[in-house]
Amino acid sequence: METHEIIICILLAIVTTNLIRVLPMTFIKGRIRNVYLRSFLYYVPYVTLAVMTFPAIVETTLSPLSGIVALVVGIFAAWRGAGLFPVAIICCAIAYLMDGLFV
C-alpha cells in the first residue's frame, strides 16, 4: 500500500469513528423515552465487548480447548457472583494451566 492510500484509510477511519459518536449527540437533543430503544442502547457496549472478546478467548490460547474451558469456567464464576477482576484471573489461570498440561 502506498503512502497516500494509507493516509486516505486513516482519514476514513477518523471520519467514520467520529460520525458514529457525533451524529447521535447532534440529532437526539432530549431524553430518550422509548423503552425499547433505551434497552437496546443499554446493552450495546456489552454486546460489542462480547463480540470482540469471545473469539479472542478461543483463538489466542495454544489450544482452542483451553480457551473454551477457561470461557466456561469464567462464565460459571461470573454467574456465581465473582467480579470482573477475579473472573479474569481465574480464566487466565485456567488457560495457562491447560496450555501447560495439554501442549
N, C-alpha and C. Protein backbone atom coordinates (compact mmCIF):
# COMPACT_ATOMS: atom_id res chain seq x y z
N MET A 1 0.83 -1.17 0.00
CA MET A 1 0.00 0.00 0.00
C MET A 1 0.89 1.24 0.00
N GLU A 2 0.52 2.20 -0.80
CA GLU A 2 1.32 3.42 -0.89
C GLU A 2 0.92 4.40 0.22
N THR A 3 1.74 5.41 0.40
CA THR A 3 1.56 6.35 1.49
C THR A 3 0.23 7.09 1.40
N HIS A 4 -0.13 7.55 0.20
CA HIS A 4 -1.39 8.30 0.09
C HIS A 4 -2.61 7.40 0.34
N GLU A 5 -2.52 6.13 0.00
CA GLU A 5 -3.61 5.20 0.28
C GLU A 5 -3.76 4.97 1.79
N ILE A 6 -2.64 4.89 2.49
CA ILE A 6 -2.67 4.72 3.94
C ILE A 6 -3.29 5.95 4.60
N ILE A 7 -2.92 7.13 4.12
CA ILE A 7 -3.47 8.38 4.67
C ILE A 7 -4.98 8.44 4.43
N ILE A 8 -5.43 8.03 3.26
CA ILE A 8 -6.86 8.02 2.95
C ILE A 8 -7.58 7.04 3.88
N CYS A 9 -7.01 5.88 4.10
CA CYS A 9 -7.62 4.90 5.00
C CYS A 9 -7.70 5.43 6.43
N ILE A 10 -6.67 6.09 6.89
CA ILE A 10 -6.67 6.65 8.24
C ILE A 10 -7.73 7.76 8.35
N LEU A 11 -7.82 8.61 7.34
CA LEU A 11 -8.82 9.67 7.37
C LEU A 11 -10.24 9.11 7.34
N LEU A 12 -10.47 8.07 6.56
CA LEU A 12 -11.79 7.43 6.53
C LEU A 12 -12.12 6.82 7.89
N ALA A 13 -11.14 6.22 8.54
CA ALA A 13 -11.36 5.66 9.86
C ALA A 13 -11.70 6.75 10.87
N ILE A 14 -11.01 7.88 10.78
CA ILE A 14 -11.30 9.00 11.68
C ILE A 14 -12.72 9.52 11.46
N VAL A 15 -13.10 9.69 10.20
CA VAL A 15 -14.43 10.22 9.89
C VAL A 15 -15.52 9.26 10.37
N THR A 16 -15.40 7.98 10.06
CA THR A 16 -16.44 7.05 10.46
C THR A 16 -16.52 6.91 11.98
N THR A 17 -15.38 6.90 12.65
CA THR A 17 -15.38 6.78 14.11
C THR A 17 -16.04 7.99 14.74
N ASN A 18 -15.74 9.16 14.24
CA ASN A 18 -16.33 10.37 14.81
C ASN A 18 -17.80 10.53 14.43
N LEU A 19 -18.20 10.07 13.26
CA LEU A 19 -19.60 10.18 12.86
C LEU A 19 -20.51 9.38 13.79
N ILE A 20 -20.10 8.17 14.14
CA ILE A 20 -20.97 7.36 14.99
C ILE A 20 -21.01 7.89 16.41
N ARG A 21 -20.12 8.77 16.77
CA ARG A 21 -20.15 9.39 18.09
C ARG A 21 -20.85 10.74 18.08
N VAL A 22 -20.70 11.49 17.00
CA VAL A 22 -21.23 12.85 16.94
C VAL A 22 -22.69 12.88 16.48
N LEU A 23 -23.07 12.04 15.52
CA LEU A 23 -24.43 12.08 15.00
C LEU A 23 -25.51 11.86 16.06
N PRO A 24 -25.38 10.88 16.95
CA PRO A 24 -26.42 10.75 17.97
C PRO A 24 -26.54 11.99 18.86
N MET A 25 -25.42 12.61 19.20
CA MET A 25 -25.47 13.82 20.03
C MET A 25 -26.07 14.99 19.26
N THR A 26 -25.92 14.99 17.95
CA THR A 26 -26.45 16.07 17.13
C THR A 26 -27.96 15.96 16.95
N PHE A 27 -28.44 14.75 16.71
CA PHE A 27 -29.85 14.57 16.39
C PHE A 27 -30.74 14.31 17.60
N ILE A 28 -30.20 13.77 18.65
CA ILE A 28 -31.01 13.46 19.83
C ILE A 28 -30.72 14.53 20.89
N LYS A 29 -31.65 15.44 21.05
CA LYS A 29 -31.43 16.57 21.97
C LYS A 29 -31.93 16.24 23.38
N GLY A 30 -33.09 15.64 23.49
CA GLY A 30 -33.67 15.40 24.81
C GLY A 30 -33.43 13.97 25.29
N ARG A 31 -34.14 13.65 26.35
CA ARG A 31 -34.04 12.31 26.93
C ARG A 31 -34.77 11.31 26.03
N ILE A 32 -34.20 10.12 25.88
CA ILE A 32 -34.82 9.07 25.07
C ILE A 32 -35.86 8.39 25.95
N ARG A 33 -37.13 8.44 25.52
CA ARG A 33 -38.21 7.90 26.33
C ARG A 33 -38.67 6.52 25.87
N ASN A 34 -38.32 6.13 24.67
CA ASN A 34 -38.72 4.84 24.15
C ASN A 34 -38.02 3.73 24.94
N VAL A 35 -38.81 2.85 25.55
CA VAL A 35 -38.26 1.80 26.40
C VAL A 35 -37.40 0.83 25.60
N TYR A 36 -37.83 0.48 24.41
CA TYR A 36 -37.09 -0.48 23.60
C TYR A 36 -35.76 0.09 23.12
N LEU A 37 -35.76 1.34 22.71
CA LEU A 37 -34.53 1.98 22.27
C LEU A 37 -33.55 2.14 23.44
N ARG A 38 -34.07 2.52 24.61
CA ARG A 38 -33.21 2.64 25.79
C ARG A 38 -32.60 1.29 26.16
N SER A 39 -33.40 0.24 26.10
CA SER A 39 -32.90 -1.09 26.40
C SER A 39 -31.83 -1.51 25.40
N PHE A 40 -32.09 -1.23 24.12
CA PHE A 40 -31.11 -1.55 23.09
C PHE A 40 -29.80 -0.81 23.34
N LEU A 41 -29.86 0.48 23.60
CA LEU A 41 -28.67 1.28 23.82
C LEU A 41 -27.94 0.88 25.11
N TYR A 42 -28.67 0.37 26.09
CA TYR A 42 -28.05 -0.07 27.33
C TYR A 42 -27.15 -1.28 27.10
N TYR A 43 -27.59 -2.20 26.23
CA TYR A 43 -26.84 -3.44 26.03
C TYR A 43 -25.81 -3.39 24.91
N VAL A 44 -25.76 -2.34 24.12
CA VAL A 44 -24.81 -2.24 23.01
C VAL A 44 -23.35 -2.39 23.47
N PRO A 45 -22.90 -1.73 24.53
CA PRO A 45 -21.50 -1.91 24.94
C PRO A 45 -21.17 -3.35 25.34
N TYR A 46 -22.11 -4.02 25.99
CA TYR A 46 -21.86 -5.41 26.40
C TYR A 46 -21.76 -6.33 25.20
N VAL A 47 -22.64 -6.13 24.24
CA VAL A 47 -22.61 -6.97 23.03
C VAL A 47 -21.32 -6.72 22.25
N THR A 48 -20.93 -5.47 22.14
CA THR A 48 -19.70 -5.14 21.42
C THR A 48 -18.49 -5.79 22.09
N LEU A 49 -18.42 -5.70 23.40
CA LEU A 49 -17.33 -6.32 24.13
C LEU A 49 -17.34 -7.83 23.95
N ALA A 50 -18.51 -8.44 23.99
CA ALA A 50 -18.61 -9.89 23.82
C ALA A 50 -18.17 -10.32 22.43
N VAL A 51 -18.58 -9.56 21.42
CA VAL A 51 -18.21 -9.91 20.04
C VAL A 51 -16.71 -9.82 19.82
N MET A 52 -16.06 -8.89 20.50
CA MET A 52 -14.61 -8.75 20.36
C MET A 52 -13.86 -9.76 21.22
N THR A 53 -14.43 -10.12 22.37
CA THR A 53 -13.72 -10.93 23.35
C THR A 53 -13.83 -12.43 23.09
N PHE A 54 -15.02 -12.93 22.81
CA PHE A 54 -15.21 -14.38 22.72
C PHE A 54 -14.32 -15.06 21.68
N PRO A 55 -14.21 -14.53 20.45
CA PRO A 55 -13.29 -15.20 19.51
C PRO A 55 -11.84 -15.15 19.98
N ALA A 56 -11.45 -14.06 20.61
CA ALA A 56 -10.06 -13.93 21.07
C ALA A 56 -9.77 -14.92 22.19
N ILE A 57 -10.74 -15.22 23.03
CA ILE A 57 -10.53 -16.18 24.11
C ILE A 57 -10.15 -17.54 23.55
N VAL A 58 -10.83 -17.95 22.51
CA VAL A 58 -10.59 -19.29 21.95
C VAL A 58 -9.36 -19.31 21.06
N GLU A 59 -9.10 -18.25 20.31
CA GLU A 59 -8.05 -18.28 19.30
C GLU A 59 -6.66 -17.92 19.83
N THR A 60 -6.55 -17.24 20.94
CA THR A 60 -5.24 -16.79 21.39
C THR A 60 -4.51 -17.79 22.26
N THR A 61 -5.20 -18.80 22.75
CA THR A 61 -4.53 -19.82 23.55
C THR A 61 -3.83 -20.81 22.62
N LEU A 62 -2.93 -21.58 23.21
CA LEU A 62 -2.21 -22.57 22.40
C LEU A 62 -3.14 -23.65 21.87
N SER A 63 -4.16 -23.97 22.64
CA SER A 63 -5.13 -24.97 22.24
C SER A 63 -6.53 -24.35 22.36
N PRO A 64 -7.38 -24.49 21.35
CA PRO A 64 -8.73 -23.96 21.47
C PRO A 64 -9.49 -24.57 22.64
N LEU A 65 -9.16 -25.80 23.00
CA LEU A 65 -9.82 -26.46 24.13
C LEU A 65 -9.57 -25.69 25.43
N SER A 66 -8.35 -25.23 25.64
CA SER A 66 -8.06 -24.48 26.87
C SER A 66 -8.82 -23.16 26.90
N GLY A 67 -8.98 -22.52 25.77
CA GLY A 67 -9.77 -21.29 25.71
C GLY A 67 -11.24 -21.52 26.00
N ILE A 68 -11.77 -22.61 25.47
CA ILE A 68 -13.18 -22.94 25.69
C ILE A 68 -13.42 -23.28 27.16
N VAL A 69 -12.53 -24.06 27.75
CA VAL A 69 -12.67 -24.42 29.17
C VAL A 69 -12.56 -23.17 30.04
N ALA A 70 -11.61 -22.29 29.74
CA ALA A 70 -11.47 -21.05 30.51
C ALA A 70 -12.73 -20.19 30.37
N LEU A 71 -13.31 -20.15 29.17
CA LEU A 71 -14.53 -19.39 28.95
C LEU A 71 -15.68 -19.95 29.79
N VAL A 72 -15.85 -21.26 29.77
CA VAL A 72 -16.93 -21.89 30.53
C VAL A 72 -16.75 -21.66 32.03
N VAL A 73 -15.52 -21.83 32.52
CA VAL A 73 -15.24 -21.61 33.94
C VAL A 73 -15.47 -20.14 34.30
N GLY A 74 -15.07 -19.23 33.42
CA GLY A 74 -15.29 -17.81 33.67
C GLY A 74 -16.77 -17.45 33.71
N ILE A 75 -17.55 -18.02 32.81
CA ILE A 75 -19.00 -17.78 32.83
C ILE A 75 -19.60 -18.31 34.12
N PHE A 76 -19.19 -19.48 34.54
CA PHE A 76 -19.69 -20.06 35.79
C PHE A 76 -19.30 -19.18 36.99
N ALA A 77 -18.05 -18.72 37.02
CA ALA A 77 -17.59 -17.87 38.14
C ALA A 77 -18.36 -16.55 38.17
N ALA A 78 -18.61 -15.97 37.00
CA ALA A 78 -19.38 -14.72 36.95
C ALA A 78 -20.82 -14.96 37.37
N TRP A 79 -21.37 -16.10 36.97
CA TRP A 79 -22.73 -16.45 37.33
C TRP A 79 -22.87 -16.60 38.85
N ARG A 80 -21.81 -17.10 39.47
CA ARG A 80 -21.82 -17.28 40.93
C ARG A 80 -21.53 -16.00 41.69
N GLY A 81 -21.30 -14.89 40.98
CA GLY A 81 -21.18 -13.60 41.62
C GLY A 81 -19.76 -13.04 41.70
N ALA A 82 -18.79 -13.69 41.08
CA ALA A 82 -17.42 -13.16 41.09
C ALA A 82 -17.36 -11.89 40.25
N GLY A 83 -16.52 -10.97 40.64
CA GLY A 83 -16.37 -9.71 39.92
C GLY A 83 -15.52 -9.88 38.67
N LEU A 84 -15.34 -8.77 37.97
CA LEU A 84 -14.61 -8.80 36.71
C LEU A 84 -13.15 -9.22 36.89
N PHE A 85 -12.48 -8.64 37.88
CA PHE A 85 -11.06 -8.95 38.08
C PHE A 85 -10.86 -10.41 38.52
N PRO A 86 -11.61 -10.93 39.49
CA PRO A 86 -11.43 -12.35 39.83
C PRO A 86 -11.73 -13.29 38.67
N VAL A 87 -12.74 -12.97 37.87
CA VAL A 87 -13.07 -13.82 36.71
C VAL A 87 -11.92 -13.80 35.72
N ALA A 88 -11.34 -12.63 35.49
CA ALA A 88 -10.20 -12.54 34.56
C ALA A 88 -9.02 -13.35 35.08
N ILE A 89 -8.73 -13.26 36.37
CA ILE A 89 -7.63 -14.03 36.95
C ILE A 89 -7.90 -15.52 36.84
N ILE A 90 -9.11 -15.94 37.14
CA ILE A 90 -9.47 -17.37 37.05
C ILE A 90 -9.31 -17.86 35.62
N CYS A 91 -9.82 -17.11 34.66
CA CYS A 91 -9.74 -17.52 33.25
C CYS A 91 -8.29 -17.61 32.78
N CYS A 92 -7.49 -16.62 33.17
CA CYS A 92 -6.07 -16.66 32.78
C CYS A 92 -5.37 -17.87 33.38
N ALA A 93 -5.65 -18.14 34.65
CA ALA A 93 -5.02 -19.28 35.32
C ALA A 93 -5.43 -20.60 34.68
N ILE A 94 -6.72 -20.74 34.37
CA ILE A 94 -7.21 -21.97 33.74
C ILE A 94 -6.57 -22.16 32.36
N ALA A 95 -6.53 -21.10 31.57
CA ALA A 95 -5.93 -21.21 30.23
C ALA A 95 -4.44 -21.54 30.33
N TYR A 96 -3.75 -20.90 31.26
CA TYR A 96 -2.32 -21.15 31.44
C TYR A 96 -2.07 -22.59 31.87
N LEU A 97 -2.83 -23.07 32.85
CA LEU A 97 -2.64 -24.45 33.32
C LEU A 97 -3.00 -25.46 32.25
N MET A 98 -4.09 -25.22 31.53
CA MET A 98 -4.49 -26.18 30.49
C MET A 98 -3.50 -26.19 29.33
N ASP A 99 -2.96 -25.01 28.99
CA ASP A 99 -1.95 -24.97 27.93
C ASP A 99 -0.70 -25.74 28.37
N GLY A 100 -0.36 -25.64 29.63
CA GLY A 100 0.81 -26.36 30.15
C GLY A 100 0.58 -27.86 30.20
N LEU A 101 -0.64 -28.26 30.45
CA LEU A 101 -0.94 -29.69 30.56
C LEU A 101 -1.08 -30.38 29.22
N PHE A 102 -1.73 -29.72 28.27
CA PHE A 102 -2.09 -30.39 27.03
C PHE A 102 -1.21 -30.06 25.84
N VAL A 103 -0.30 -29.15 25.98
CA VAL A 103 0.55 -28.80 24.82
C VAL A 103 1.98 -29.11 25.13
